[in-house]
Every structure is written in structure tokens, then in C-alpha cells.
Amino acid sequence: MQKLKKLHSVHVIFLMINTITGVGVLTFPHDVSQVGYGALVMPLVYGIVIQILFLLYFRLLKYYPDHTLFEINTLLLGKVAGNFINFMIFIYAILVIFRVIKFYVHLVNLLAFKSNPTFWIITALLFVTFSIVSKGNIISLAQYHILSFFLSIWIILILITGFNKGDITHILPLLNFTASDLIAAFPKGYLSFIGFEFILFFYPFINNQERAYKHTSIGIWVVVFMYTFVTVASVIRFSDWELQHLQFPIVNFMQEVEFSFAVRIDNLFVNLWLLLVVGTTSTYIWIAKNALNQITGSEKNENIKVLSALGVVFILLLLPGNMEAVEMIWDSVLYFNFVLIIFPLLLLVIRRVKS
């Protein structure tokens, strides 16, 4: 893989932000509702955990400034074992794309299209994803993330309109949950933060690697702020019971907003959010493509590799199954991700032993 160090600070920040958000922010207040109104402190908890992981990740990455995680795997584990791990990362990326698109299509069907044109929505999403990733250069992916962020993220400011309609006393006390509630809610809310591990794959492309830790940290804490804002708005507007039973609290919030210039703000919100969904899927297709590059030992026919990965996703999306089955697959993503975020720590130990 040719390392063109063209990613600047702004690229790094927005690659982190948009890869994480996707559809995660839409369900986050519901995902952590088990801690009740204390949900508004949960983004801070995840931010601290991720920041600690970054300290360990960058310790490994600084040893291999010109290598992605795929290459580090083969260097430290050997070609066979390393490529087996790379293939598992490929599977993980495919499952993440499947879940993100499936949930977005499910949301669109609930709100906008009663005729359920799932096939065309999926096809359009995958076609746009292919258009972005097929260029092959991560700089184009980063530029898309910057553009999509500013075109779409402004709409969550509409949540401010609900602050005077809810109950501000819901935010107090802050820590009105038990340790068992926190442990039960943590895995569900954590799924809304997956994507921070992307730094393990694009670090070699960063121009100023000495400041990469600072820039990725900025990206994470922007996400924490966004999730906190959304969660505070939801906690103020909805009761504890509503947070536990509304799968998409932000969308329900938007359905209650009325403006003279727009009848259905929720439809506008969902359509704009498509830009972030495409960004998330594009990121993971880029990961899947580079996993195949490393496994095959060649960067030739990259468009075919992208189409192959998207083809697997397309087949999965068209298989019959309800949302319960999707949730089961999403649970498996949690285990995949847990192994992925812990594995670099094992690589640190292996490197120390070998050195």
C-alpha cells in the first residue's frame, strides 16, 4: 500500500467524528435508558474509556508509523495468522455496514415510505458508497466526511426548541443509577461509539503524526459533546418510560417540531442524516477493501474488491429476517469489536517479547 501522507488535522478530526456518528446518535438515548435520567453522563464515561484506549493504541502505532493494523498483524503474527485476523476484521466491517444500512432503511420505511421500497434504498446507498470508495484515495473519503458533516449536523440544533417544552428537573440528580444499571447499559450505549478504532487503519496516511493523538482526541470529544447535547435534550423532553420504549427518540422529537416553512421536519432530518450514514458505510468498505488487499498481497483490481464486499452486504440485506435477527447480528458485532479494540494491546505485548 502506497502511503501518501496527505491527511491533515481537519481530515483526521472529521474522519473520527463521522465514522462514529452514523446512526448511533439516533438511538443513543434509548440505548442507555437503563440508567434512567442519568443517561446524560454516559457520553462522558465512553469518552474517558476511549481516551485511555487511544493512549495504548498510539504507543503501538508509533512503533510502526508507516504500517496499518493489517500490516502490523502480519509483521508480528506471521502471514498465516496475521491474514486470518485480517479476514476477521473484513467480516467485522461487513457486519457493521449491514447493521448501519439495515437500521437506516428500517427508519426510512417507518417514517417516509409506507410502500417499503427497501430494494431501491439499499441499491442507492451501496451505489453511492461504491462511488466514494472506488477512487481509492483516503483523502477523498476525508473530504466527503467534512462536507457531509456541515451539510447535515446543523439540524440537531432544532432540539433546542424542545427545552422549554420538557421538564428541566429531569437532569437532576446526575448519578441516580446503580453500578449494576451502568454495567447493563454500557454495552448497548458503547455500540453507538464504535468507529474510533479507525485510527488503527489510517494512521500511516497522516501528514503530522506527532499531533495525531491530539487531533483524534478532538474528534472523540466533539462526538461526546454531540451525544451529550442530544441526550440532554431527550432527557428533558421525554419521561424515563418513553426513553426506554422509543427506539429513535430524536426522530420522535423532530415529529413534534412545527415550523411554518416545513411540515415534516423529521423527514428532512432523516434525509439529511443519510449523508452521515453513507460516510460511515464508506469508511468500513474502505477498511474491508484494504483487508482484502493485505490478504491477497496485491492492490490490483480494487474496484472489484469493493464491489465484492458490497455484494456480500447486499445479499445479507436482502435475506429474510426481522429486526430481532438484526439485533442478534449486532450483538455479534459487539464481540467482534471488543476483540478488535483489545487486540492491539496484545500486539504491544508480542512486540515487547520479540524485541
Protein backbone atom coordinates (compact mmCIF):
# COMPACT_ATOMS: atom_id res chain seq x y z
CA MET A 1 0.00 0.00 0.00
CA GLN A 2 1.43 3.32 -1.06
CA LYS A 3 1.48 5.66 1.95
CA LEU A 4 0.57 9.14 0.72
CA LYS A 5 0.72 11.23 3.88
CA LYS A 6 -1.89 13.77 2.84
CA LEU A 7 -4.28 13.73 5.80
CA HIS A 8 -4.12 16.99 7.71
CA SER A 9 -5.55 17.80 11.12
CA VAL A 10 -9.02 18.70 9.86
CA HIS A 11 -9.21 15.42 7.92
CA VAL A 12 -8.27 13.37 10.98
CA ILE A 13 -10.85 15.12 13.16
CA PHE A 14 -13.75 14.62 10.76
CA LEU A 15 -12.80 11.05 9.89
CA MET A 16 -13.19 10.28 13.59
CA ILE A 17 -16.43 12.23 14.04
CA ASN A 18 -18.38 10.96 11.04
CA THR A 19 -17.24 7.35 11.28
CA ILE A 20 -18.65 7.16 14.80
CA THR A 21 -21.93 9.04 14.42
CA GLY A 22 -23.71 7.29 11.52
CA VAL A 23 -26.96 6.03 13.05
CA GLY A 24 -25.54 5.66 16.56
CA VAL A 25 -26.61 9.09 17.73
CA LEU A 26 -30.21 8.37 16.64
CA THR A 27 -30.62 5.57 19.17
CA PHE A 28 -28.13 6.51 21.90
CA PRO A 29 -30.60 8.00 24.45
CA HIS A 30 -32.69 4.83 24.14
CA ASP A 31 -29.67 2.52 24.30
CA VAL A 32 -28.55 3.89 27.68
CA SER A 33 -32.06 4.38 29.08
CA GLN A 34 -31.47 1.65 31.65
CA VAL A 35 -29.62 4.22 33.77
CA GLY A 36 -32.68 6.48 33.65
CA TYR A 37 -32.14 10.22 33.55
CA GLY A 38 -28.52 9.57 34.47
CA ALA A 39 -28.04 8.77 30.77
CA LEU A 40 -26.76 12.30 30.20
CA VAL A 41 -23.43 11.44 31.92
CA MET A 42 -22.90 8.30 29.84
CA PRO A 43 -21.16 10.04 26.86
CA LEU A 44 -18.50 11.25 29.30
CA VAL A 45 -17.97 7.68 30.51
CA TYR A 46 -17.40 6.41 26.96
CA GLY A 47 -15.16 9.37 26.15
CA ILE A 48 -12.86 8.57 29.09
CA VAL A 49 -12.69 4.86 28.17
CA ILE A 50 -11.85 5.65 24.53
CA GLN A 51 -9.23 8.20 25.56
CA ILE A 52 -7.46 5.56 27.66
CA LEU A 53 -7.51 3.14 24.72
CA PHE A 54 -6.01 5.83 22.49
CA LEU A 55 -3.03 6.13 24.82
CA LEU A 56 -2.28 2.44 24.26
CA TYR A 57 -3.08 2.49 20.53
CA PHE A 58 -0.67 5.32 19.81
CA ARG A 59 2.06 3.58 21.72
CA LEU A 60 1.78 0.71 19.23
CA LEU A 61 1.30 2.94 16.18
CA LYS A 62 4.43 4.98 16.91
CA TYR A 63 6.48 1.80 16.58
CA TYR A 64 5.02 1.28 13.08
CA PRO A 65 4.39 4.77 11.64
CA ASP A 66 4.18 3.50 8.05
CA HIS A 67 2.01 0.44 8.65
CA THR A 68 -1.71 -0.12 9.08
CA LEU A 69 -3.07 -2.62 11.58
CA PHE A 70 -3.36 -5.15 8.73
CA GLU A 71 0.37 -4.95 8.07
CA ILE A 72 1.26 -4.93 11.76
CA ASN A 73 -0.71 -8.16 12.18
CA THR A 74 1.33 -9.95 9.54
CA LEU A 75 4.62 -8.49 10.80
CA LEU A 76 4.11 -9.66 14.39
CA LEU A 77 2.00 -12.81 13.89
CA GLY A 78 3.27 -14.11 10.58
CA LYS A 79 1.49 -14.22 7.26
CA VAL A 80 -0.97 -17.03 8.03
CA ALA A 81 -2.11 -15.96 11.49
CA GLY A 82 -1.95 -12.28 10.58
CA ASN A 83 -4.12 -12.69 7.50
CA PHE A 84 -6.60 -14.78 9.48
CA ILE A 85 -7.02 -11.83 11.84
CA ASN A 86 -7.29 -9.52 8.82
CA PHE A 87 -10.05 -11.68 7.38
CA MET A 88 -11.94 -11.48 10.68
CA ILE A 89 -11.63 -7.68 10.50
CA PHE A 90 -13.08 -7.90 6.99
CA ILE A 91 -16.07 -9.84 8.35
CA TYR A 92 -16.46 -7.29 11.14
CA ALA A 93 -16.52 -4.40 8.63
CA ILE A 94 -19.16 -6.18 6.55
CA LEU A 95 -21.38 -6.73 9.61
CA VAL A 96 -21.09 -3.08 10.65
CA ILE A 97 -22.14 -1.92 7.17
CA PHE A 98 -25.03 -4.39 7.22
CA ARG A 99 -26.31 -3.09 10.55
CA VAL A 100 -25.94 0.60 9.69
CA ILE A 101 -27.81 0.30 6.37
CA LYS A 102 -30.43 -2.06 7.80
CA PHE A 103 -31.29 0.30 10.64
CA TYR A 104 -31.40 3.33 8.37
CA VAL A 105 -33.65 1.59 5.85
CA HIS A 106 -35.86 0.44 8.74
CA LEU A 107 -36.16 4.05 9.94
CA VAL A 108 -36.94 5.39 6.46
CA ASN A 109 -39.62 2.74 5.97
CA LEU A 110 -41.24 3.67 9.27
CA LEU A 111 -41.37 7.38 8.52
CA ALA A 112 -41.41 8.14 4.86
CA PHE A 113 -42.28 5.21 2.61
CA LYS A 114 -45.20 3.04 3.57
CA SER A 115 -44.80 1.04 0.36
CA ASN A 116 -41.48 -0.30 1.70
CA PRO A 117 -39.14 0.24 -1.31
CA THR A 118 -36.29 -1.48 0.51
CA PHE A 119 -34.57 -2.80 -2.59
CA TRP A 120 -34.14 0.65 -4.15
CA ILE A 121 -33.00 2.30 -0.92
CA ILE A 122 -30.34 -0.37 -0.39
CA THR A 123 -29.22 -0.18 -4.01
CA ALA A 124 -28.90 3.61 -3.86
CA LEU A 125 -26.92 3.50 -0.60
CA LEU A 126 -24.49 0.91 -1.91
CA PHE A 127 -24.05 2.69 -5.25
CA VAL A 128 -23.11 5.97 -3.53
CA THR A 129 -20.75 4.09 -1.22
CA PHE A 130 -19.04 2.47 -4.19
CA SER A 131 -18.72 5.85 -5.91
CA ILE A 132 -16.82 7.26 -2.94
CA VAL A 133 -14.56 4.32 -2.13
CA SER A 134 -13.73 3.34 -5.71
CA LYS A 135 -11.50 6.42 -6.00
CA GLY A 136 -9.08 4.52 -3.80
CA ASN A 137 -7.63 7.57 -2.03
CA ILE A 138 -8.47 8.13 1.63
CA ILE A 139 -8.23 11.88 1.08
CA SER A 140 -11.45 11.77 -0.96
CA LEU A 141 -13.13 9.89 1.87
CA ALA A 142 -11.97 12.52 4.37
CA GLN A 143 -13.20 15.35 2.16
CA TYR A 144 -16.61 13.71 1.91
CA HIS A 145 -16.78 13.46 5.71
CA ILE A 146 -16.09 17.18 6.09
CA LEU A 147 -18.73 18.14 3.53
CA SER A 148 -21.40 15.79 4.88
CA PHE A 149 -20.85 16.96 8.45
CA PHE A 150 -21.55 20.61 7.70
CA LEU A 151 -24.48 19.81 5.41
CA SER A 152 -26.27 17.66 7.97
CA ILE A 153 -25.20 18.23 11.56
CA TRP A 154 -26.84 21.66 11.91
CA ILE A 155 -30.27 20.08 12.03
CA ILE A 156 -29.77 18.67 15.54
CA LEU A 157 -29.77 22.27 16.78
CA ILE A 158 -33.55 22.11 16.30
CA LEU A 159 -33.59 20.03 19.50
CA ILE A 160 -33.11 23.29 21.40
CA THR A 161 -36.74 24.13 20.62
CA GLY A 162 -37.86 21.36 22.95
CA PHE A 163 -36.00 22.60 26.00
CA ASN A 164 -38.90 24.81 27.05
CA LYS A 165 -41.46 22.05 26.46
CA GLY A 166 -39.94 19.41 28.72
CA ASP A 167 -39.06 19.18 32.39
CA ILE A 168 -35.65 20.62 33.23
CA THR A 169 -35.71 18.89 36.61
CA HIS A 170 -35.14 15.54 34.83
CA ILE A 171 -31.42 16.27 34.66
CA LEU A 172 -31.07 16.14 38.45
CA PRO A 173 -29.68 14.27 40.25
CA LEU A 174 -26.93 13.34 37.81
CA LEU A 175 -25.90 9.97 39.27
CA ASN A 176 -29.24 8.41 40.12
CA PHE A 177 -28.34 4.89 38.98
CA THR A 178 -26.62 1.86 40.45
CA ALA A 179 -23.43 0.13 39.35
CA SER A 180 -25.48 -2.79 38.02
CA ASP A 181 -27.54 -0.40 35.88
CA LEU A 182 -24.32 1.08 34.47
CA ILE A 183 -22.87 -2.35 33.68
CA ALA A 184 -26.09 -3.41 31.94
CA ALA A 185 -26.37 -0.23 29.87
CA PHE A 186 -22.69 0.13 28.95
CA PRO A 187 -22.54 -2.46 26.08
CA LYS A 188 -25.67 -1.09 24.36
CA GLY A 189 -24.53 2.51 24.51
CA TYR A 190 -20.98 1.57 23.55
CA LEU A 191 -22.20 0.31 20.17
CA SER A 192 -23.08 3.92 19.31
CA PHE A 193 -19.40 4.84 19.74
CA ILE A 194 -17.79 2.17 17.58
CA GLY A 195 -15.64 3.63 14.82
CA PHE A 196 -12.90 5.17 16.95
CA GLU A 197 -10.78 2.12 16.11
CA PHE A 198 -10.50 3.51 12.55
CA ILE A 199 -7.31 5.32 13.64
CA LEU A 200 -5.56 1.93 13.58
CA PHE A 201 -6.07 1.82 9.82
CA PHE A 202 -5.47 5.36 8.58
CA TYR A 203 -2.62 6.43 10.89
CA PRO A 204 0.09 5.82 8.20
CA PHE A 205 -1.63 8.35 5.92
CA ILE A 206 -1.48 11.23 8.42
CA ASN A 207 0.86 14.05 7.49
CA ASN A 208 1.69 15.24 11.03
CA GLN A 209 1.75 12.03 13.07
CA GLU A 210 3.24 13.77 16.11
CA ARG A 211 -0.03 15.61 16.63
CA ALA A 212 -2.34 12.80 15.54
CA TYR A 213 -3.18 11.87 19.13
CA LYS A 214 -4.36 15.43 19.80
CA HIS A 215 -6.48 15.56 16.65
CA THR A 216 -8.15 12.18 17.17
CA SER A 217 -8.88 13.21 20.76
CA ILE A 218 -10.55 16.38 19.50
CA GLY A 219 -12.70 14.27 17.20
CA ILE A 220 -13.76 11.99 20.05
CA TRP A 221 -14.68 14.84 22.37
CA VAL A 222 -16.69 16.57 19.65
CA VAL A 223 -18.67 13.32 19.41
CA VAL A 224 -19.02 13.22 23.22
CA PHE A 225 -20.36 16.79 23.15
CA MET A 226 -22.84 15.93 20.37
CA TYR A 227 -24.08 12.84 22.20
CA THR A 228 -24.37 14.80 25.44
CA PHE A 229 -26.40 17.54 23.74
CA VAL A 230 -28.74 15.01 22.15
CA THR A 231 -29.10 13.05 25.39
CA VAL A 232 -29.80 16.16 27.50
CA ALA A 233 -32.48 17.23 25.01
CA SER A 234 -34.06 13.76 25.12
CA VAL A 235 -33.91 13.52 28.92
CA ILE A 236 -35.60 16.92 29.30
CA ARG A 237 -38.27 16.21 26.70
CA PHE A 238 -39.19 12.58 27.46
CA SER A 239 -40.08 10.63 30.56
CA ASP A 240 -37.99 7.70 31.76
CA TRP A 241 -40.59 5.28 30.40
CA GLU A 242 -40.60 6.98 26.99
CA LEU A 243 -36.82 6.81 26.70
CA GLN A 244 -36.97 3.06 27.31
CA HIS A 245 -39.66 2.46 24.67
CA LEU A 246 -38.82 4.96 21.91
CA GLN A 247 -36.15 3.40 19.72
CA PHE A 248 -35.41 6.67 17.90
CA PRO A 249 -36.01 9.44 20.48
CA ILE A 250 -34.51 12.17 18.29
CA VAL A 251 -36.80 11.33 15.39
CA ASN A 252 -39.84 11.34 17.69
CA PHE A 253 -38.62 14.70 18.96
CA MET A 254 -38.46 16.03 15.39
CA GLN A 255 -42.02 14.84 14.72
CA GLU A 256 -43.25 17.24 17.40
CA VAL A 257 -41.42 20.26 15.96
CA GLU A 258 -43.51 22.60 13.81
CA PHE A 259 -42.26 25.37 11.52
CA SER A 260 -44.16 27.47 9.03
CA PHE A 261 -41.70 26.64 6.25
CA ALA A 262 -41.69 22.84 6.77
CA VAL A 263 -44.42 20.36 7.61
CA ARG A 264 -42.36 17.24 8.34
CA ILE A 265 -39.06 18.18 9.99
CA ASP A 266 -38.50 14.51 10.83
CA ASN A 267 -38.38 13.62 7.12
CA LEU A 268 -35.89 16.42 6.47
CA PHE A 269 -33.79 15.21 9.38
CA VAL A 270 -33.74 11.58 8.20
CA ASN A 271 -32.91 12.56 4.62
CA LEU A 272 -30.03 14.80 5.69
CA TRP A 273 -28.73 12.13 8.04
CA LEU A 274 -28.29 9.87 5.03
CA LEU A 275 -25.09 11.82 4.30
CA LEU A 276 -23.55 10.62 7.58
CA VAL A 277 -24.81 7.07 7.05
CA VAL A 278 -23.07 6.93 3.67
CA GLY A 279 -19.91 8.28 5.29
CA THR A 280 -19.92 5.50 7.89
CA THR A 281 -20.54 2.75 5.33
CA SER A 282 -17.84 4.21 3.05
CA THR A 283 -15.32 4.11 5.88
CA TYR A 284 -15.95 0.44 6.63
CA ILE A 285 -15.94 -0.51 2.95
CA TRP A 286 -12.54 1.18 2.74
CA ILE A 287 -11.42 -0.99 5.68
CA ALA A 288 -12.82 -4.13 4.02
CA LYS A 289 -11.09 -3.28 0.72
CA ASN A 290 -7.71 -2.82 2.38
CA ALA A 291 -8.16 -6.04 4.35
CA LEU A 292 -8.54 -7.85 1.02
CA ASN A 293 -5.51 -6.01 -0.37
CA GLN A 294 -3.40 -7.29 2.50
CA ILE A 295 -4.76 -10.84 2.32
CA THR A 296 -4.21 -11.12 -1.44
CA GLY A 297 -0.90 -9.25 -1.29
CA SER A 298 -1.95 -7.02 -4.16
CA GLU A 299 -3.62 -3.66 -4.71
CA LYS A 300 -4.79 -4.57 -8.19
CA ASN A 301 -8.49 -4.73 -9.10
CA GLU A 302 -9.52 -2.63 -6.09
CA ASN A 303 -12.89 -1.77 -7.65
CA ILE A 304 -13.66 -5.48 -7.92
CA LYS A 305 -12.79 -5.92 -4.26
CA VAL A 306 -15.08 -3.05 -3.29
CA LEU A 307 -17.90 -4.49 -5.38
CA SER A 308 -17.32 -7.93 -3.86
CA ALA A 309 -17.59 -6.54 -0.33
CA LEU A 310 -20.70 -4.55 -1.22
CA GLY A 311 -22.14 -7.63 -2.90
CA VAL A 312 -21.85 -9.59 0.34
CA VAL A 313 -23.60 -6.75 2.18
CA PHE A 314 -26.33 -6.60 -0.46
CA ILE A 315 -27.03 -10.33 -0.16
CA LEU A 316 -27.21 -10.08 3.64
CA LEU A 317 -29.61 -7.14 3.42
CA LEU A 318 -31.98 -9.00 1.11
CA LEU A 319 -32.15 -12.11 3.27
CA PRO A 320 -35.50 -12.50 5.06
CA GLY A 321 -35.43 -11.64 8.75
CA ASN A 322 -36.95 -9.30 11.30
CA MET A 323 -35.29 -6.65 13.44
CA GLU A 324 -34.75 -9.19 16.23
CA ALA A 325 -32.43 -11.10 13.90
CA VAL A 326 -30.64 -7.84 13.09
CA GLU A 327 -30.19 -7.22 16.81
CA MET A 328 -28.61 -10.67 17.18
CA ILE A 329 -26.15 -9.83 14.41
CA TRP A 330 -25.46 -6.51 16.07
CA ASP A 331 -24.69 -8.32 19.32
CA SER A 332 -22.11 -10.35 17.44
CA VAL A 333 -20.60 -7.07 16.20
CA LEU A 334 -20.14 -6.09 19.84
CA TYR A 335 -18.00 -9.19 20.45
CA PHE A 336 -16.04 -8.61 17.23
CA ASN A 337 -15.40 -5.02 18.25
CA PHE A 338 -14.36 -6.00 21.75
CA VAL A 339 -11.71 -8.32 20.30
CA LEU A 340 -10.62 -5.65 17.81
CA ILE A 341 -10.10 -2.93 20.43
CA ILE A 342 -8.26 -5.29 22.79
CA PHE A 343 -6.12 -6.96 20.12
CA PRO A 344 -3.68 -4.03 19.65
CA LEU A 345 -2.83 -4.37 23.34
CA LEU A 346 -1.90 -7.99 22.72
CA LEU A 347 0.25 -6.87 19.79
CA LEU A 348 2.07 -4.49 22.13
CA VAL A 349 2.90 -7.44 24.40
CA ILE A 350 4.04 -9.59 21.43
CA ARG A 351 6.27 -6.82 20.15
CA ARG A 352 7.84 -6.38 23.57
CA VAL A 353 8.53 -10.12 23.83
CA LYS A 354 10.07 -10.24 20.35
CA SER A 355 12.21 -7.18 20.93
